[in-house]
Amino acid sequence: MRLLKHLFPERATPTPSRVLDAGLTYLSLAALEDLDRTVRALEKRQVAGTFIEAGCALGGSALVIAAAKRPTRPFEVYDTFGMIPPPSAKDGADVQRRYDEISSGRSKGIKGAIYYGYQDNLLQRVNDTFRRYGLDPDRSHVRFNPGLFEDTLRIAAPVAFSHIDGDWYESVHCCLSRIEPWLVPGGVLVIDDYDAWSGCRQAVDDYFSEKKSDFDWTKRARLHITRKGPSGASPAARITPAASAHGRRE
């Protein structure tokens, strides 16, 4: 048995710790493990619906989600796969300072690498990374959707899970307005930057100001917003006017 393992070593799977060690994400280990556990729990409960990630950067968190879900589950990944768009007047001074650092070319990448927003062919790099970890996007039902959220994020099917990592106010508000109406009871929105960027926090608070009672709010490594009701029921899919938005993670 040991000889067989030596001759045919197990393929490295994109576990949270491996993704973090490889410098493929800005998320902490706790946040990656949170995503992994959440996806596995949804699969165990057989909550029906598409998975979505809005903002994937180098693809690290998307890898963790894809590895944890069943292969036949559709997983839609949205990103500009390039430079993050500018924030709006609804974002605070913290966001404006961060964007100034990025847009001026002064932002540093992970572990001394070039900041991902300055890299060419980011979409191809993410595709290659998936394959390097043994997750062929086609066979794993993962689809990458390049562009601004306002242009690409069109939902027409029930959603069981979404990792929203858009950073700025308009990006996050757009994601919520287009995804939440399709979220099934028992479905989960994981908000990555609620405690990190003022614009994200304000967008979430504004969007849910009159509907918070329909959801359970749980603070884990990230904020979880879960629609109340029996898991597996169909969402009351109401199309709300799409907010203008951008799309990317810092």
Protein backbone atom coordinates (compact mmCIF):
# COMPACT_ATOMS: atom_id res chain seq x y z
CA MET A 1 0.00 0.00 0.00
CA ARG A 2 2.80 2.42 0.86
CA LEU A 3 4.50 1.60 -2.46
CA LEU A 4 1.29 2.30 -4.35
CA LYS A 5 0.89 5.66 -2.60
CA HIS A 6 4.48 6.49 -3.48
CA LEU A 7 4.02 5.54 -7.12
CA PHE A 8 0.60 7.19 -7.41
CA PRO A 9 0.56 10.12 -4.98
CA GLU A 10 -2.82 11.62 -4.12
CA ARG A 11 -3.57 14.77 -6.10
CA ALA A 12 -3.27 17.91 -4.00
CA THR A 13 -6.82 19.05 -3.30
CA PRO A 14 -7.59 22.74 -2.75
CA THR A 15 -8.22 22.56 0.97
CA PRO A 16 -8.40 25.89 2.80
CA SER A 17 -4.89 25.57 4.22
CA ARG A 18 -3.34 24.64 0.86
CA VAL A 19 -5.09 27.52 -0.89
CA LEU A 20 -3.86 29.92 1.76
CA ASP A 21 -0.29 28.57 1.67
CA ALA A 22 -0.26 28.93 -2.13
CA GLY A 23 -1.04 32.65 -1.87
CA LEU A 24 -4.26 32.37 -3.84
CA THR A 25 -6.50 34.46 -1.60
CA TYR A 26 -6.69 37.45 0.73
CA LEU A 27 -9.09 35.55 2.98
CA SER A 28 -7.92 34.19 6.32
CA LEU A 29 -7.81 30.47 7.08
CA ALA A 30 -10.85 30.90 9.33
CA ALA A 31 -12.82 32.54 6.50
CA LEU A 32 -11.87 29.79 4.03
CA GLU A 33 -12.80 27.07 6.50
CA ASP A 34 -16.08 28.88 7.09
CA LEU A 35 -16.86 28.70 3.35
CA ASP A 36 -15.88 25.03 3.23
CA ARG A 37 -18.11 24.10 6.17
CA THR A 38 -21.04 26.15 4.87
CA VAL A 39 -20.97 24.55 1.43
CA ARG A 40 -20.65 21.04 2.86
CA ALA A 41 -23.56 21.68 5.22
CA LEU A 42 -25.77 22.87 2.35
CA GLU A 43 -24.87 19.76 0.36
CA LYS A 44 -25.61 17.52 3.35
CA ARG A 45 -29.02 19.17 3.77
CA GLN A 46 -29.59 18.89 0.01
CA VAL A 47 -30.58 22.53 -0.35
CA ALA A 48 -31.34 22.94 -4.04
CA GLY A 49 -30.06 25.82 -6.13
CA THR A 50 -27.11 27.37 -7.90
CA PHE A 51 -23.95 28.47 -6.07
CA ILE A 52 -22.54 31.92 -6.83
CA GLU A 53 -19.35 33.78 -6.06
CA ALA A 54 -19.25 37.50 -6.83
CA GLY A 55 -15.61 38.59 -6.74
CA CYS A 56 -12.96 35.87 -6.93
CA ALA A 57 -9.62 37.68 -7.51
CA LEU A 58 -7.01 34.91 -7.85
CA GLY A 59 -9.62 32.18 -7.44
CA GLY A 60 -8.67 30.86 -4.02
CA SER A 61 -12.08 31.05 -2.36
CA ALA A 62 -13.74 29.77 -5.54
CA LEU A 63 -11.44 26.75 -5.42
CA VAL A 64 -12.49 25.97 -1.86
CA ILE A 65 -16.18 26.28 -2.76
CA ALA A 66 -15.81 24.16 -5.90
CA ALA A 67 -13.94 21.43 -4.03
CA ALA A 68 -16.57 21.28 -1.28
CA LYS A 69 -19.66 21.15 -3.51
CA ARG A 70 -20.90 18.14 -5.42
CA PRO A 71 -19.52 18.17 -8.99
CA THR A 72 -22.94 18.45 -10.64
CA ARG A 73 -23.96 21.57 -8.71
CA PRO A 74 -23.82 24.67 -10.96
CA PHE A 75 -21.34 27.25 -9.68
CA GLU A 76 -21.30 30.69 -11.30
CA VAL A 77 -18.24 32.89 -10.65
CA TYR A 78 -18.41 36.61 -11.45
CA ASP A 79 -15.47 38.99 -11.60
CA THR A 80 -13.90 41.64 -13.81
CA PHE A 81 -10.78 39.45 -13.87
CA GLY A 82 -8.80 42.65 -13.96
CA MET A 83 -8.55 45.95 -12.14
CA ILE A 84 -11.15 46.73 -9.52
CA PRO A 85 -13.51 49.54 -10.59
CA PRO A 86 -13.57 52.79 -8.60
CA PRO A 87 -15.78 53.25 -5.55
CA SER A 88 -18.62 55.77 -5.36
CA ALA A 89 -19.50 58.67 -3.11
CA LYS A 90 -21.38 56.18 -0.91
CA ASP A 91 -18.09 54.62 0.16
CA GLY A 92 -16.20 56.01 3.12
CA ALA A 93 -12.71 57.44 3.46
CA ASP A 94 -11.24 53.99 4.17
CA VAL A 95 -12.38 52.75 0.77
CA GLN A 96 -11.23 55.88 -1.03
CA ARG A 97 -7.74 55.53 0.47
CA ARG A 98 -7.54 51.88 -0.50
CA TYR A 99 -8.62 52.57 -4.06
CA ASP A 100 -6.09 55.39 -4.36
CA GLU A 101 -3.38 52.94 -3.34
CA ILE A 102 -4.54 50.40 -5.92
CA SER A 103 -5.10 52.80 -8.81
CA SER A 104 -1.73 54.50 -8.27
CA GLY A 105 0.10 51.19 -8.71
CA ARG A 106 1.32 51.08 -5.11
CA SER A 107 -0.65 48.03 -3.95
CA LYS A 108 1.37 44.97 -2.99
CA GLY A 109 0.39 41.43 -3.84
CA ILE A 110 0.21 38.35 -1.63
CA LYS A 111 3.56 37.06 -0.37
CA GLY A 112 5.52 39.56 -2.45
CA ALA A 113 3.81 38.72 -5.72
CA ILE A 114 2.44 41.31 -8.13
CA TYR A 115 -0.96 42.59 -7.07
CA TYR A 116 -3.49 40.52 -9.01
CA GLY A 117 -5.22 43.57 -10.48
CA TYR A 118 -1.99 44.48 -12.29
CA GLN A 119 -1.60 41.03 -13.87
CA ASP A 120 -2.47 40.21 -17.46
CA ASN A 121 -4.73 37.32 -18.47
CA LEU A 122 -6.14 36.85 -14.97
CA LEU A 123 -9.09 34.80 -16.19
CA GLN A 124 -6.75 32.31 -17.87
CA ARG A 125 -4.61 32.19 -14.72
CA VAL A 126 -7.65 31.29 -12.63
CA ASN A 127 -8.66 28.60 -15.13
CA ASP A 128 -5.15 27.17 -15.04
CA THR A 129 -5.16 27.19 -11.25
CA PHE A 130 -8.39 25.19 -11.15
CA ARG A 131 -6.94 22.57 -13.46
CA ARG A 132 -3.69 22.44 -11.51
CA TYR A 133 -5.73 21.42 -8.47
CA GLY A 134 -7.63 18.77 -10.39
CA LEU A 135 -10.85 20.75 -10.84
CA ASP A 136 -11.66 21.05 -14.52
CA PRO A 137 -14.21 23.90 -14.67
CA ASP A 138 -16.35 22.20 -17.30
CA ARG A 139 -16.55 18.84 -15.57
CA SER A 140 -17.08 20.54 -12.19
CA HIS A 141 -19.89 22.72 -13.59
CA VAL A 142 -17.99 25.93 -12.81
CA ARG A 143 -18.55 28.86 -15.15
CA PHE A 144 -16.55 32.09 -15.10
CA ASN A 145 -18.39 35.28 -16.05
CA PRO A 146 -15.97 38.15 -16.77
CA GLY A 147 -17.16 41.73 -16.56
CA LEU A 148 -18.80 44.22 -14.22
CA PHE A 149 -21.56 42.84 -12.02
CA GLU A 150 -24.01 45.33 -13.51
CA ASP A 151 -23.37 43.82 -16.95
CA THR A 152 -23.04 40.11 -16.19
CA LEU A 153 -24.97 39.25 -13.03
CA ARG A 154 -28.29 38.00 -14.38
CA ILE A 155 -30.04 35.41 -12.21
CA ALA A 156 -32.92 33.29 -13.50
CA ALA A 157 -32.85 30.24 -11.22
CA PRO A 158 -33.01 29.46 -7.49
CA VAL A 159 -29.84 30.21 -5.52
CA ALA A 160 -28.70 28.14 -2.53
CA PHE A 161 -25.46 29.95 -1.70
CA SER A 162 -23.57 33.09 -2.61
CA HIS A 163 -20.22 34.36 -1.46
CA ILE A 164 -20.37 38.12 -2.02
CA ASP A 165 -16.92 39.69 -2.11
CA GLY A 166 -17.44 42.95 -3.95
CA ASP A 167 -15.86 45.36 -1.43
CA TRP A 168 -17.46 48.66 -2.43
CA TYR A 169 -21.02 49.92 -1.91
CA GLU A 170 -22.35 49.75 -5.48
CA SER A 171 -20.87 46.32 -6.15
CA VAL A 172 -22.32 44.78 -3.02
CA HIS A 173 -25.71 46.44 -3.40
CA CYS A 174 -25.97 45.22 -6.99
CA CYS A 175 -25.18 41.65 -5.92
CA LEU A 176 -27.80 41.73 -3.18
CA SER A 177 -30.51 43.20 -5.39
CA ARG A 178 -29.96 40.57 -8.07
CA ILE A 179 -29.25 37.50 -5.95
CA GLU A 180 -31.41 37.84 -2.83
CA PRO A 181 -34.79 37.59 -4.62
CA TRP A 182 -33.74 34.16 -5.88
CA LEU A 183 -32.33 32.86 -2.58
CA VAL A 184 -34.20 29.75 -1.43
CA PRO A 185 -35.34 29.24 2.17
CA GLY A 186 -32.33 27.87 3.99
CA GLY A 187 -30.04 29.46 1.40
CA VAL A 188 -27.05 31.45 2.62
CA LEU A 189 -25.39 34.71 1.64
CA VAL A 190 -21.84 35.04 2.98
CA ILE A 191 -20.78 38.70 3.04
CA ASP A 192 -17.01 38.85 2.95
CA ASP A 193 -16.30 42.51 3.68
CA TYR A 194 -19.04 43.53 6.11
CA ASP A 195 -16.51 44.20 8.84
CA ALA A 196 -13.72 45.29 6.50
CA TRP A 197 -15.01 48.12 4.29
CA SER A 198 -17.49 50.85 5.15
CA GLY A 199 -19.18 50.77 1.74
CA CYS A 200 -19.93 47.05 1.95
CA ARG A 201 -21.39 47.40 5.43
CA GLN A 202 -23.57 50.34 4.39
CA ALA A 203 -24.81 48.52 1.29
CA VAL A 204 -25.87 45.50 3.32
CA ASP A 205 -27.55 47.60 6.01
CA ASP A 206 -29.38 49.69 3.41
CA TYR A 207 -30.57 46.73 1.37
CA PHE A 208 -31.92 44.77 4.34
CA SER A 209 -33.29 47.75 6.26
CA GLU A 210 -36.92 46.73 5.62
CA LYS A 211 -36.55 42.97 5.22
CA LYS A 212 -34.14 41.93 7.96
CA SER A 213 -36.85 39.98 9.81
CA ASP A 214 -37.04 37.52 6.91
CA PHE A 215 -33.47 36.39 7.53
CA ASP A 216 -31.22 35.00 10.24
CA TRP A 217 -28.02 37.01 10.70
CA THR A 218 -25.06 35.10 12.10
CA LYS A 219 -21.52 36.34 12.68
CA ARG A 220 -18.95 33.64 12.03
CA ALA A 221 -15.62 34.25 10.35
CA ARG A 222 -17.82 36.30 8.00
CA LEU A 223 -21.40 37.53 8.15
CA HIS A 224 -23.95 34.88 7.16
CA ILE A 225 -27.44 35.94 6.08
CA THR A 226 -29.81 32.95 5.80
CA ARG A 227 -33.34 33.11 4.45
CA LYS A 228 -35.84 31.76 6.96
CA GLY A 229 -38.23 28.99 6.03
CA PRO A 230 -38.11 25.28 5.22
CA SER A 231 -35.05 24.31 3.20
CA GLY A 232 -35.76 23.37 -0.37
CA ALA A 233 -38.86 25.52 -0.82
CA SER A 234 -38.95 27.69 -3.91
CA PRO A 235 -37.98 31.33 -3.48
CA ALA A 236 -40.54 34.03 -4.14
CA ALA A 237 -38.48 35.06 -7.16
CA ARG A 238 -39.27 38.71 -7.56
CA ILE A 239 -37.13 40.72 -9.93
CA THR A 240 -36.09 43.96 -8.31
CA PRO A 241 -34.71 46.90 -10.26
CA ALA A 242 -31.00 46.27 -10.78
CA ALA A 243 -28.73 48.65 -8.96
CA SER A 244 -25.83 50.15 -10.84
CA ALA A 245 -22.69 48.39 -9.77
CA HIS A 246 -19.14 47.43 -10.23
CA GLY A 247 -17.52 44.11 -9.55
CA ARG A 248 -14.29 43.08 -7.93
CA ARG A 249 -12.44 42.34 -4.82
CA GLU A 250 -9.60 44.50 -3.62
